[in-house]
Amino acid sequence: MVFASILQKFSEKSPVTVMVQGLLEHLLHKEKILFSSLVAIMLKVVCRVRKNVYSAYLNSNVEATRQAVYDKLKNVELKTSQELVRHIGSESELMVRDMKAT
């Protein structure tokens, strides 16, 4: 972990530092994937910028493993995907109306 070398010199004299290090390692663990990162990957696939999820993953800045990405995608509920599409659709409709377009 990035913080290990920085905090090592303090850890012997300050147990709180050790706890903070553990907390930072947990919070910044590379296997944690933001939902926005999944959306970005899937957007590239849906818009045919990339051929498939694997190709989109390879061209992303997601540091998690490929398997972690697939596992995370597998656990996104259908309702979440439906709501995301609904939200994007209604926001797009407002933009089109503001531009007085069809």
PDB file of N, CA and C in Angstrom:
ATOM      1  N   MET A   1       0.849  -1.196   0.000  1.00  0.00           N
ATOM      2  CA  MET A   1       0.000   0.000   0.000  1.00  0.00           C
ATOM      3  C   MET A   1       0.877   1.236   0.000  1.00  0.00           C
ATOM      4  N   VAL A   2       0.443   2.268  -0.670  1.00  0.00           N
ATOM      5  CA  VAL A   2       1.177   3.513  -0.808  1.00  0.00           C
ATOM      6  C   VAL A   2       1.502   4.132   0.543  1.00  0.00           C
ATOM      7  N   PHE A   3       0.573   4.053   1.455  1.00  0.00           N
ATOM      8  CA  PHE A   3       0.748   4.706   2.743  1.00  0.00           C
ATOM      9  C   PHE A   3       1.680   3.952   3.685  1.00  0.00           C
ATOM     10  N   ALA A   4       1.995   2.719   3.390  1.00  0.00           N
ATOM     11  CA  ALA A   4       2.791   1.894   4.301  1.00  0.00           C
ATOM     12  C   ALA A   4       4.144   2.514   4.598  1.00  0.00           C
ATOM     13  N   SER A   5       4.869   2.931   3.572  1.00  0.00           N
ATOM     14  CA  SER A   5       6.201   3.493   3.805  1.00  0.00           C
ATOM     15  C   SER A   5       6.138   4.826   4.536  1.00  0.00           C
ATOM     16  N   ILE A   6       5.127   5.607   4.236  1.00  0.00           N
ATOM     17  CA  ILE A   6       4.981   6.913   4.891  1.00  0.00           C
ATOM     18  C   ILE A   6       4.648   6.747   6.368  1.00  0.00           C
ATOM     19  N   LEU A   7       3.746   5.827   6.660  1.00  0.00           N
ATOM     20  CA  LEU A   7       3.282   5.671   8.035  1.00  0.00           C
ATOM     21  C   LEU A   7       4.153   4.740   8.877  1.00  0.00           C
ATOM     22  N   GLN A   8       5.045   4.003   8.250  1.00  0.00           N
ATOM     23  CA  GLN A   8       5.867   3.036   8.983  1.00  0.00           C
ATOM     24  C   GLN A   8       6.649   3.703  10.112  1.00  0.00           C
ATOM     25  N   LYS A   9       7.272   4.846   9.833  1.00  0.00           N
ATOM     26  CA  LYS A   9       8.091   5.504  10.852  1.00  0.00           C
ATOM     27  C   LYS A   9       7.280   6.003  12.040  1.00  0.00           C
ATOM     28  N   PHE A  10       5.976   6.212  11.828  1.00  0.00           N
ATOM     29  CA  PHE A  10       5.126   6.692  12.916  1.00  0.00           C
ATOM     30  C   PHE A  10       4.428   5.554  13.664  1.00  0.00           C
ATOM     31  N   SER A  11       4.309   4.407  13.035  1.00  0.00           N
ATOM     32  CA  SER A  11       3.488   3.333  13.594  1.00  0.00           C
ATOM     33  C   SER A  11       4.007   2.797  14.922  1.00  0.00           C
ATOM     34  N   GLU A  12       5.303   2.802  15.117  1.00  0.00           N
ATOM     35  CA  GLU A  12       5.846   2.273  16.371  1.00  0.00           C
ATOM     36  C   GLU A  12       5.538   3.168  17.560  1.00  0.00           C
ATOM     37  N   LYS A  13       5.442   4.459  17.322  1.00  0.00           N
ATOM     38  CA  LYS A  13       5.216   5.392  18.424  1.00  0.00           C
ATOM     39  C   LYS A  13       3.760   5.821  18.554  1.00  0.00           C
ATOM     40  N   SER A  14       2.957   5.518  17.550  1.00  0.00           N
ATOM     41  CA  SER A  14       1.585   5.996  17.566  1.00  0.00           C
ATOM     42  C   SER A  14       0.619   4.917  17.081  1.00  0.00           C
ATOM     43  N   PRO A  15      -0.064   4.215  17.999  1.00  0.00           N
ATOM     44  CA  PRO A  15      -1.012   3.180  17.588  1.00  0.00           C
ATOM     45  C   PRO A  15      -2.168   3.730  16.743  1.00  0.00           C
ATOM     46  N   VAL A  16      -2.499   4.992  16.936  1.00  0.00           N
ATOM     47  CA  VAL A  16      -3.574   5.598  16.149  1.00  0.00           C
ATOM     48  C   VAL A  16      -3.174   5.613  14.676  1.00  0.00           C
ATOM     49  N   THR A  17      -1.910   5.849  14.421  1.00  0.00           N
ATOM     50  CA  THR A  17      -1.412   5.858  13.049  1.00  0.00           C
ATOM     51  C   THR A  17      -1.639   4.509  12.389  1.00  0.00           C
ATOM     52  N   VAL A  18      -1.426   3.455  13.136  1.00  0.00           N
ATOM     53  CA  VAL A  18      -1.639   2.103  12.608  1.00  0.00           C
ATOM     54  C   VAL A  18      -3.109   1.910  12.257  1.00  0.00           C
ATOM     55  N   MET A  19      -3.997   2.400  13.111  1.00  0.00           N
ATOM     56  CA  MET A  19      -5.432   2.294  12.839  1.00  0.00           C
ATOM     57  C   MET A  19      -5.820   3.103  11.604  1.00  0.00           C
ATOM     58  N   VAL A  20      -5.265   4.297  11.465  1.00  0.00           N
ATOM     59  CA  VAL A  20      -5.548   5.122  10.296  1.00  0.00           C
ATOM     60  C   VAL A  20      -5.044   4.425   9.028  1.00  0.00           C
ATOM     61  N   GLN A  21      -3.876   3.813   9.109  1.00  0.00           N
ATOM     62  CA  GLN A  21      -3.336   3.095   7.964  1.00  0.00           C
ATOM     63  C   GLN A  21      -4.289   1.974   7.542  1.00  0.00           C
ATOM     64  N   GLY A  22      -4.754   1.217   8.517  1.00  0.00           N
ATOM     65  CA  GLY A  22      -5.708   0.144   8.211  1.00  0.00           C
ATOM     66  C   GLY A  22      -6.979   0.677   7.575  1.00  0.00           C
ATOM     67  N   LEU A  23      -7.471   1.779   8.104  1.00  0.00           N
ATOM     68  CA  LEU A  23      -8.677   2.403   7.562  1.00  0.00           C
ATOM     69  C   LEU A  23      -8.461   2.859   6.118  1.00  0.00           C
ATOM     70  N   LEU A  24      -7.333   3.523   5.859  1.00  0.00           N
ATOM     71  CA  LEU A  24      -7.035   3.990   4.503  1.00  0.00           C
ATOM     72  C   LEU A  24      -6.889   2.824   3.530  1.00  0.00           C
ATOM     73  N   GLU A  25      -6.223   1.765   3.961  1.00  0.00           N
ATOM     74  CA  GLU A  25      -6.063   0.603   3.093  1.00  0.00           C
ATOM     75  C   GLU A  25      -7.417  -0.022   2.770  1.00  0.00           C
ATOM     76  N   HIS A  26      -8.299  -0.028   3.759  1.00  0.00           N
ATOM     77  CA  HIS A  26      -9.639  -0.574   3.530  1.00  0.00           C
ATOM     78  C   HIS A  26     -10.433   0.317   2.578  1.00  0.00           C
ATOM     79  N   LEU A  27     -10.428   1.622   2.816  1.00  0.00           N
ATOM     80  CA  LEU A  27     -11.219   2.548   2.009  1.00  0.00           C
ATOM     81  C   LEU A  27     -10.695   2.679   0.585  1.00  0.00           C
ATOM     82  N   LEU A  28      -9.393   2.558   0.405  1.00  0.00           N
ATOM     83  CA  LEU A  28      -8.797   2.764  -0.909  1.00  0.00           C
ATOM     84  C   LEU A  28      -8.391   1.461  -1.580  1.00  0.00           C
ATOM     85  N   HIS A  29      -8.956   0.377  -1.151  1.00  0.00           N
ATOM     86  CA  HIS A  29      -8.643  -0.940  -1.712  1.00  0.00           C
ATOM     87  C   HIS A  29      -8.978  -0.950  -3.199  1.00  0.00           C
ATOM     88  N   LYS A  30      -8.059  -1.422  -4.029  1.00  0.00           N
ATOM     89  CA  LYS A  30      -8.252  -1.331  -5.466  1.00  0.00           C
ATOM     90  C   LYS A  30      -9.372  -2.223  -5.997  1.00  0.00           C
ATOM     91  N   GLU A  31      -9.815  -3.197  -5.223  1.00  0.00           N
ATOM     92  CA  GLU A  31     -10.914  -4.044  -5.686  1.00  0.00           C
ATOM     93  C   GLU A  31     -12.270  -3.366  -5.528  1.00  0.00           C
ATOM     94  N   LYS A  32     -12.294  -2.203  -4.874  1.00  0.00           N
ATOM     95  CA  LYS A  32     -13.559  -1.475  -4.758  1.00  0.00           C
ATOM     96  C   LYS A  32     -13.771  -0.691  -6.036  1.00  0.00           C
ATOM     97  N   ILE A  33     -14.930  -0.876  -6.642  1.00  0.00           N
ATOM     98  CA  ILE A  33     -15.217  -0.261  -7.931  1.00  0.00           C
ATOM     99  C   ILE A  33     -16.396   0.682  -7.767  1.00  0.00           C
ATOM    100  N   LEU A  34     -16.214   1.908  -8.182  1.00  0.00           N
ATOM    101  CA  LEU A  34     -17.307   2.870  -8.118  1.00  0.00           C
ATOM    102  C   LEU A  34     -18.369   2.528  -9.153  1.00  0.00           C
ATOM    103  N   PHE A  35     -19.607   2.793  -8.814  1.00  0.00           N
ATOM    104  CA  PHE A  35     -20.706   2.553  -9.744  1.00  0.00           C
ATOM    105  C   PHE A  35     -20.500   3.373 -11.015  1.00  0.00           C
ATOM    106  N   SER A  36     -19.986   4.594 -10.859  1.00  0.00           N
ATOM    107  CA  SER A  36     -19.741   5.445 -12.030  1.00  0.00           C
ATOM    108  C   SER A  36     -18.727   4.809 -12.977  1.00  0.00           C
ATOM    109  N   SER A  37     -17.794   4.041 -12.446  1.00  0.00           N
ATOM    110  CA  SER A  37     -16.829   3.345 -13.299  1.00  0.00           C
ATOM    111  C   SER A  37     -17.514   2.247 -14.102  1.00  0.00           C
ATOM    112  N   LEU A  38     -18.451   1.547 -13.473  1.00  0.00           N
ATOM    113  CA  LEU A  38     -19.226   0.537 -14.200  1.00  0.00           C
ATOM    114  C   LEU A  38     -20.050   1.179 -15.306  1.00  0.00           C
ATOM    115  N   VAL A  39     -20.659   2.310 -14.993  1.00  0.00           N
ATOM    116  CA  VAL A  39     -21.471   3.017 -15.986  1.00  0.00           C
ATOM    117  C   VAL A  39     -20.587   3.430 -17.160  1.00  0.00           C
ATOM    118  N   ALA A  40     -19.403   3.949 -16.879  1.00  0.00           N
ATOM    119  CA  ALA A  40     -18.488   4.368 -17.948  1.00  0.00           C
ATOM    120  C   ALA A  40     -18.090   3.185 -18.835  1.00  0.00           C
ATOM    121  N   ILE A  41     -17.806   2.051 -18.218  1.00  0.00           N
ATOM    122  CA  ILE A  41     -17.446   0.851 -18.984  1.00  0.00           C
ATOM    123  C   ILE A  41     -18.613   0.415 -19.859  1.00  0.00           C
ATOM    124  N   MET A  42     -19.789   0.323 -19.264  1.00  0.00           N
ATOM    125  CA  MET A  42     -20.952  -0.148 -20.015  1.00  0.00           C
ATOM    126  C   MET A  42     -21.370   0.846 -21.111  1.00  0.00           C
ATOM    127  N   LEU A  43     -21.176   2.130 -20.860  1.00  0.00           N
ATOM    128  CA  LEU A  43     -21.502   3.144 -21.861  1.00  0.00           C
ATOM    129  C   LEU A  43     -20.643   2.949 -23.110  1.00  0.00           C
ATOM    130  N   LYS A  44     -19.381   2.617 -22.923  1.00  0.00           N
ATOM    131  CA  LYS A  44     -18.490   2.362 -24.066  1.00  0.00           C
ATOM    132  C   LYS A  44     -18.958   1.154 -24.873  1.00  0.00           C
ATOM    133  N   VAL A  45     -19.499   0.161 -24.179  1.00  0.00           N
ATOM    134  CA  VAL A  45     -19.984  -1.039 -24.867  1.00  0.00           C
ATOM    135  C   VAL A  45     -21.300  -0.735 -25.588  1.00  0.00           C
ATOM    136  N   VAL A  46     -22.228  -0.104 -24.895  1.00  0.00           N
ATOM    137  CA  VAL A  46     -23.544   0.188 -25.466  1.00  0.00           C
ATOM    138  C   VAL A  46     -23.424   1.122 -26.673  1.00  0.00           C
ATOM    139  N   CYS A  47     -22.533   2.098 -26.594  1.00  0.00           N
ATOM    140  CA  CYS A  47     -22.348   3.049 -27.701  1.00  0.00           C
ATOM    141  C   CYS A  47     -21.380   2.515 -28.761  1.00  0.00           C
ATOM    142  N   ARG A  48     -20.947   1.292 -28.595  1.00  0.00           N
ATOM    143  CA  ARG A  48     -20.072   0.600 -29.539  1.00  0.00           C
ATOM    144  C   ARG A  48     -18.725   1.288 -29.748  1.00  0.00           C
ATOM    145  N   VAL A  49     -18.279   1.969 -28.688  1.00  0.00           N
ATOM    146  CA  VAL A  49     -16.925   2.510 -28.703  1.00  0.00           C
ATOM    147  C   VAL A  49     -15.955   1.353 -28.493  1.00  0.00           C
ATOM    148  N   ARG A  50     -16.373   0.403 -27.672  1.00  0.00           N
ATOM    149  CA  ARG A  50     -15.611  -0.824 -27.433  1.00  0.00           C
ATOM    150  C   ARG A  50     -16.495  -2.011 -27.758  1.00  0.00           C
ATOM    151  N   LYS A  51     -15.846  -3.092 -28.196  1.00  0.00           N
ATOM    152  CA  LYS A  51     -16.556  -4.284 -28.661  1.00  0.00           C
ATOM    153  C   LYS A  51     -17.267  -5.031 -27.543  1.00  0.00           C
ATOM    154  N   ASN A  52     -16.657  -5.047 -26.350  1.00  0.00           N
ATOM    155  CA  ASN A  52     -17.213  -5.825 -25.240  1.00  0.00           C
ATOM    156  C   ASN A  52     -16.731  -5.254 -23.911  1.00  0.00           C
ATOM    157  N   VAL A  53     -17.238  -5.813 -22.835  1.00  0.00           N
ATOM    158  CA  VAL A  53     -16.890  -5.333 -21.486  1.00  0.00           C
ATOM    159  C   VAL A  53     -15.392  -5.464 -21.237  1.00  0.00           C
ATOM    160  N   TYR A  54     -14.806  -6.561 -21.659  1.00  0.00           N
ATOM    161  CA  TYR A  54     -13.375  -6.763 -21.426  1.00  0.00           C
ATOM    162  C   TYR A  54     -12.544  -5.678 -22.116  1.00  0.00           C
ATOM    163  N   SER A  55     -12.868  -5.364 -23.352  1.00  0.00           N
ATOM    164  CA  SER A  55     -12.145  -4.327 -24.079  1.00  0.00           C
ATOM    165  C   SER A  55     -12.332  -2.961 -23.412  1.00  0.00           C
ATOM    166  N   ALA A  56     -13.545  -2.665 -22.980  1.00  0.00           N
ATOM    167  CA  ALA A  56     -13.816  -1.403 -22.282  1.00  0.00           C
ATOM    168  C   ALA A  56     -13.054  -1.345 -20.964  1.00  0.00           C
ATOM    169  N   TYR A  57     -13.008  -2.478 -20.265  1.00  0.00           N
ATOM    170  CA  TYR A  57     -12.264  -2.551 -18.999  1.00  0.00           C
ATOM    171  C   TYR A  57     -10.779  -2.277 -19.234  1.00  0.00           C
ATOM    172  N   LEU A  58     -10.215  -2.896 -20.265  1.00  0.00           N
ATOM    173  CA  LEU A  58      -8.788  -2.707 -20.557  1.00  0.00           C
ATOM    174  C   LEU A  58      -8.456  -1.250 -20.873  1.00  0.00           C
ATOM    175  N   ASN A  59      -9.414  -0.530 -21.423  1.00  0.00           N
ATOM    176  CA  ASN A  59      -9.203   0.867 -21.798  1.00  0.00           C
ATOM    177  C   ASN A  59      -9.789   1.839 -20.784  1.00  0.00           C
ATOM    178  N   SER A  60      -9.955   1.387 -19.557  1.00  0.00           N
ATOM    179  CA  SER A  60     -10.472   2.245 -18.483  1.00  0.00           C
ATOM    180  C   SER A  60      -9.357   2.475 -17.459  1.00  0.00           C
ATOM    181  N   ASN A  61      -9.633   3.330 -16.488  1.00  0.00           N
ATOM    182  CA  ASN A  61      -8.655   3.506 -15.410  1.00  0.00           C
ATOM    183  C   ASN A  61      -9.066   2.734 -14.167  1.00  0.00           C
ATOM    184  N   VAL A  62      -9.917   1.754 -14.309  1.00  0.00           N
ATOM    185  CA  VAL A  62     -10.301   0.911 -13.185  1.00  0.00           C
ATOM    186  C   VAL A  62      -9.106   0.031 -12.822  1.00  0.00           C
ATOM    187  N   GLU A  63      -8.700   0.096 -11.568  1.00  0.00           N
ATOM    188  CA  GLU A  63      -7.528  -0.668 -11.136  1.00  0.00           C
ATOM    189  C   GLU A  63      -7.875  -2.039 -10.592  1.00  0.00           C
ATOM    190  N   ALA A  64      -9.140  -2.315 -10.458  1.00  0.00           N
ATOM    191  CA  ALA A  64      -9.557  -3.619  -9.946  1.00  0.00           C
ATOM    192  C   ALA A  64      -9.336  -4.680 -11.022  1.00  0.00           C
ATOM    193  N   THR A  65      -9.377  -5.916 -10.602  1.00  0.00           N
ATOM    194  CA  THR A  65      -9.184  -7.008 -11.547  1.00  0.00           C
ATOM    195  C   THR A  65     -10.401  -7.140 -12.466  1.00  0.00           C
ATOM    196  N   ARG A  66     -10.191  -7.791 -13.588  1.00  0.00           N
ATOM    197  CA  ARG A  66     -11.278  -8.037 -14.536  1.00  0.00           C
ATOM    198  C   ARG A  66     -12.402  -8.809 -13.842  1.00  0.00           C
ATOM    199  N   GLN A  67     -12.020  -9.818 -13.054  1.00  0.00           N
ATOM    200  CA  GLN A  67     -13.029 -10.626 -12.360  1.00  0.00           C
ATOM    201  C   GLN A  67     -13.845  -9.776 -11.394  1.00  0.00           C
ATOM    202  N   ALA A  68     -13.197  -8.835 -10.718  1.00  0.00           N
ATOM    203  CA  ALA A  68     -13.911  -7.950  -9.787  1.00  0.00           C
ATOM    204  C   ALA A  68     -14.941  -7.100 -10.540  1.00  0.00           C
ATOM    205  N   VAL A  69     -14.579  -6.648 -11.734  1.00  0.00           N
ATOM    206  CA  VAL A  69     -15.518  -5.864 -12.547  1.00  0.00           C
ATOM    207  C   VAL A  69     -16.718  -6.722 -12.946  1.00  0.00           C
ATOM    208  N   TYR A  70     -16.440  -7.938 -13.429  1.00  0.00           N
ATOM    209  CA  TYR A  70     -17.540  -8.828 -13.820  1.00  0.00           C
ATOM    210  C   TYR A  70     -18.427  -9.176 -12.619  1.00  0.00           C
ATOM    211  N   ASP A  71     -17.822  -9.424 -11.479  1.00  0.00           N
ATOM    212  CA  ASP A  71     -18.595  -9.735 -10.275  1.00  0.00           C
ATOM    213  C   ASP A  71     -19.480  -8.559  -9.881  1.00  0.00           C
ATOM    214  N   LYS A  72     -18.925  -7.358  -9.965  1.00  0.00           N
ATOM    215  CA  LYS A  72     -19.697  -6.164  -9.609  1.00  0.00           C
ATOM    216  C   LYS A  72     -20.863  -5.974 -10.593  1.00  0.00           C
ATOM    217  N   LEU A  73     -20.597  -6.160 -11.880  1.00  0.00           N
ATOM    218  CA  LEU A  73     -21.662  -6.033 -12.875  1.00  0.00           C
ATOM    219  C   LEU A  73     -22.771  -7.052 -12.640  1.00  0.00           C
ATOM    220  N   LYS A  74     -22.363  -8.263 -12.254  1.00  0.00           N
ATOM    221  CA  LYS A  74     -23.334  -9.327 -12.006  1.00  0.00           C
ATOM    222  C   LYS A  74     -24.284  -8.977 -10.869  1.00  0.00           C
ATOM    223  N   ASN A  75     -23.812  -8.149  -9.941  1.00  0.00           N
ATOM    224  CA  ASN A  75     -24.610  -7.828  -8.758  1.00  0.00           C
ATOM    225  C   ASN A  75     -25.401  -6.528  -8.866  1.00  0.00           C
ATOM    226  N   VAL A  76     -25.338  -5.870 -10.021  1.00  0.00           N
ATOM    227  CA  VAL A  76     -26.155  -4.668 -10.210  1.00  0.00           C
ATOM    228  C   VAL A  76     -27.587  -5.124 -10.464  1.00  0.00           C
ATOM    229  N   GLU A  77     -28.502  -4.641  -9.649  1.00  0.00           N
ATOM    230  CA  GLU A  77     -29.897  -5.059  -9.774  1.00  0.00           C
ATOM    231  C   GLU A  77     -30.537  -4.467 -11.029  1.00  0.00           C
ATOM    232  N   LEU A  78     -31.456  -5.199 -11.606  1.00  0.00           N
ATOM    233  CA  LEU A  78     -32.160  -4.759 -12.803  1.00  0.00           C
ATOM    234  C   LEU A  78     -32.834  -3.404 -12.563  1.00  0.00           C
ATOM    235  N   LYS A  79     -33.409  -3.235 -11.390  1.00  0.00           N
ATOM    236  CA  LYS A  79     -34.097  -1.976 -11.057  1.00  0.00           C
ATOM    237  C   LYS A  79     -33.128  -0.793 -11.132  1.00  0.00           C
ATOM    238  N   THR A  80     -31.895  -0.996 -10.718  1.00  0.00           N
ATOM    239  CA  THR A  80     -30.887   0.067 -10.768  1.00  0.00           C
ATOM    240  C   THR A  80     -30.615   0.461 -12.215  1.00  0.00           C
ATOM    241  N   SER A  81     -30.431  -0.525 -13.076  1.00  0.00           N
ATOM    242  CA  SER A  81     -30.183  -0.263 -14.500  1.00  0.00           C
ATOM    243  C   SER A  81     -31.377   0.439 -15.135  1.00  0.00           C
ATOM    244  N   GLN A  82     -32.581  -0.021 -14.817  1.00  0.00           N
ATOM    245  CA  GLN A  82     -33.787   0.585 -15.370  1.00  0.00           C
ATOM    246  C   GLN A  82     -33.904   2.046 -14.949  1.00  0.00           C
ATOM    247  N   GLU A  83     -33.630   2.324 -13.704  1.00  0.00           N
ATOM    248  CA  GLU A  83     -33.732   3.692 -13.201  1.00  0.00           C
ATOM    249  C   GLU A  83     -32.677   4.590 -13.838  1.00  0.00           C
ATOM    250  N   LEU A  84     -31.503   4.069 -14.061  1.00  0.00           N
ATOM    251  CA  LEU A  84     -30.446   4.841 -14.716  1.00  0.00           C
ATOM    252  C   LEU A  84     -30.862   5.215 -16.145  1.00  0.00           C
ATOM    253  N   VAL A  85     -31.399   4.262 -16.882  1.00  0.00           N
ATOM    254  CA  VAL A  85     -31.861   4.523 -18.246  1.00  0.00           C
ATOM    255  C   VAL A  85     -32.999   5.535 -18.228  1.00  0.00           C
ATOM    256  N   ARG A  86     -33.939   5.384 -17.281  1.00  0.00           N
ATOM    257  CA  ARG A  86     -35.053   6.327 -17.170  1.00  0.00           C
ATOM    258  C   ARG A  86     -34.547   7.742 -16.894  1.00  0.00           C
ATOM    259  N   HIS A  87     -33.619   7.860 -15.972  1.00  0.00           N
ATOM    260  CA  HIS A  87     -33.073   9.170 -15.597  1.00  0.00           C
ATOM    261  C   HIS A  87     -32.360   9.826 -16.785  1.00  0.00           C
ATOM    262  N   ILE A  88     -31.517   9.075 -17.480  1.00  0.00           N
ATOM    263  CA  ILE A  88     -30.798   9.618 -18.631  1.00  0.00           C
ATOM    264  C   ILE A  88     -31.785  10.028 -19.719  1.00  0.00           C
ATOM    265  N   GLY A  89     -32.814   9.210 -19.930  1.00  0.00           N
ATOM    266  CA  GLY A  89     -33.832   9.532 -20.928  1.00  0.00           C
ATOM    267  C   GLY A  89     -34.566  10.823 -20.619  1.00  0.00           C
ATOM    268  N   SER A  90     -34.978  10.993 -19.369  1.00  0.00           N
ATOM    269  CA  SER A  90     -35.731  12.203 -19.023  1.00  0.00           C
ATOM    270  C   SER A  90     -34.838  13.445 -19.049  1.00  0.00           C
ATOM    271  N   GLU A  91     -33.569  13.314 -18.642  1.00  0.00           N
ATOM    272  CA  GLU A  91     -32.632  14.441 -18.716  1.00  0.00           C
ATOM    273  C   GLU A  91     -32.364  14.815 -20.176  1.00  0.00           C
ATOM    274  N   SER A  92     -32.263  13.810 -21.035  1.00  0.00           N
ATOM    275  CA  SER A  92     -32.036  14.052 -22.469  1.00  0.00           C
ATOM    276  C   SER A  92     -33.233  14.751 -23.089  1.00  0.00           C
ATOM    277  N   GLU A  93     -34.418  14.323 -22.687  1.00  0.00           N
ATOM    278  CA  GLU A  93     -35.637  14.941 -23.200  1.00  0.00           C
ATOM    279  C   GLU A  93     -35.678  16.425 -22.852  1.00  0.00           C
ATOM    280  N   LEU A  94     -35.296  16.776 -21.625  1.00  0.00           N
ATOM    281  CA  LEU A  94     -35.258  18.187 -21.216  1.00  0.00           C
ATOM    282  C   LEU A  94     -34.269  18.976 -22.065  1.00  0.00           C
ATOM    283  N   MET A  95     -33.112  18.404 -22.331  1.00  0.00           N
ATOM    284  CA  MET A  95     -32.107  19.091 -23.154  1.00  0.00           C
ATOM    285  C   MET A  95     -32.627  19.325 -24.571  1.00  0.00           C
ATOM    286  N   VAL A  96     -33.278  18.313 -25.135  1.00  0.00           N
ATOM    287  CA  VAL A  96     -33.816  18.441 -26.491  1.00  0.00           C
ATOM    288  C   VAL A  96     -34.884  19.530 -26.521  1.00  0.00           C
ATOM    289  N   ARG A  97     -35.742  19.573 -25.512  1.00  0.00           N
ATOM    290  CA  ARG A  97     -36.777  20.612 -25.451  1.00  0.00           C
ATOM    291  C   ARG A  97     -36.152  21.994 -25.324  1.00  0.00           C
ATOM    292  N   ASP A  98     -35.120  22.122 -24.471  1.00  0.00           N
ATOM    293  CA  ASP A  98     -34.445  23.417 -24.290  1.00  0.00           C
ATOM    294  C   ASP A  98     -33.829  23.914 -25.598  1.00  0.00           C
ATOM    295  N   MET A  99     -33.389  22.999 -26.440  1.00  0.00           N
ATOM    296  CA  MET A  99     -32.794  23.367 -27.730  1.00  0.00           C
ATOM    297  C   MET A  99     -33.871  23.565 -28.800  1.00  0.00           C
ATOM    298  N   LYS A 100     -35.125  23.355 -28.401  1.00  0.00           N
ATOM    299  CA  LYS A 100     -36.267  23.430 -29.318  1.00  0.00           C
ATOM    300  C   LYS A 100     -36.041  22.522 -30.541  1.00  0.00           C
ATOM    301  N   ALA A 101     -35.584  21.316 -30.241  1.00  0.00           N
ATOM    302  CA  ALA A 101     -35.335  20.332 -31.291  1.00  0.00           C
ATOM    303  C   ALA A 101     -36.344  19.193 -31.171  1.00  0.00           C
ATOM    304  N   THR A 102     -36.258  18.282 -32.103  1.00  0.00           N
ATOM    305  CA  THR A 102     -37.159  17.109 -32.030  1.00  0.00           C
ATOM    306  C   THR A 102     -36.344  15.847 -31.999  1.00  0.00           C
TER     307      THR A 102
END
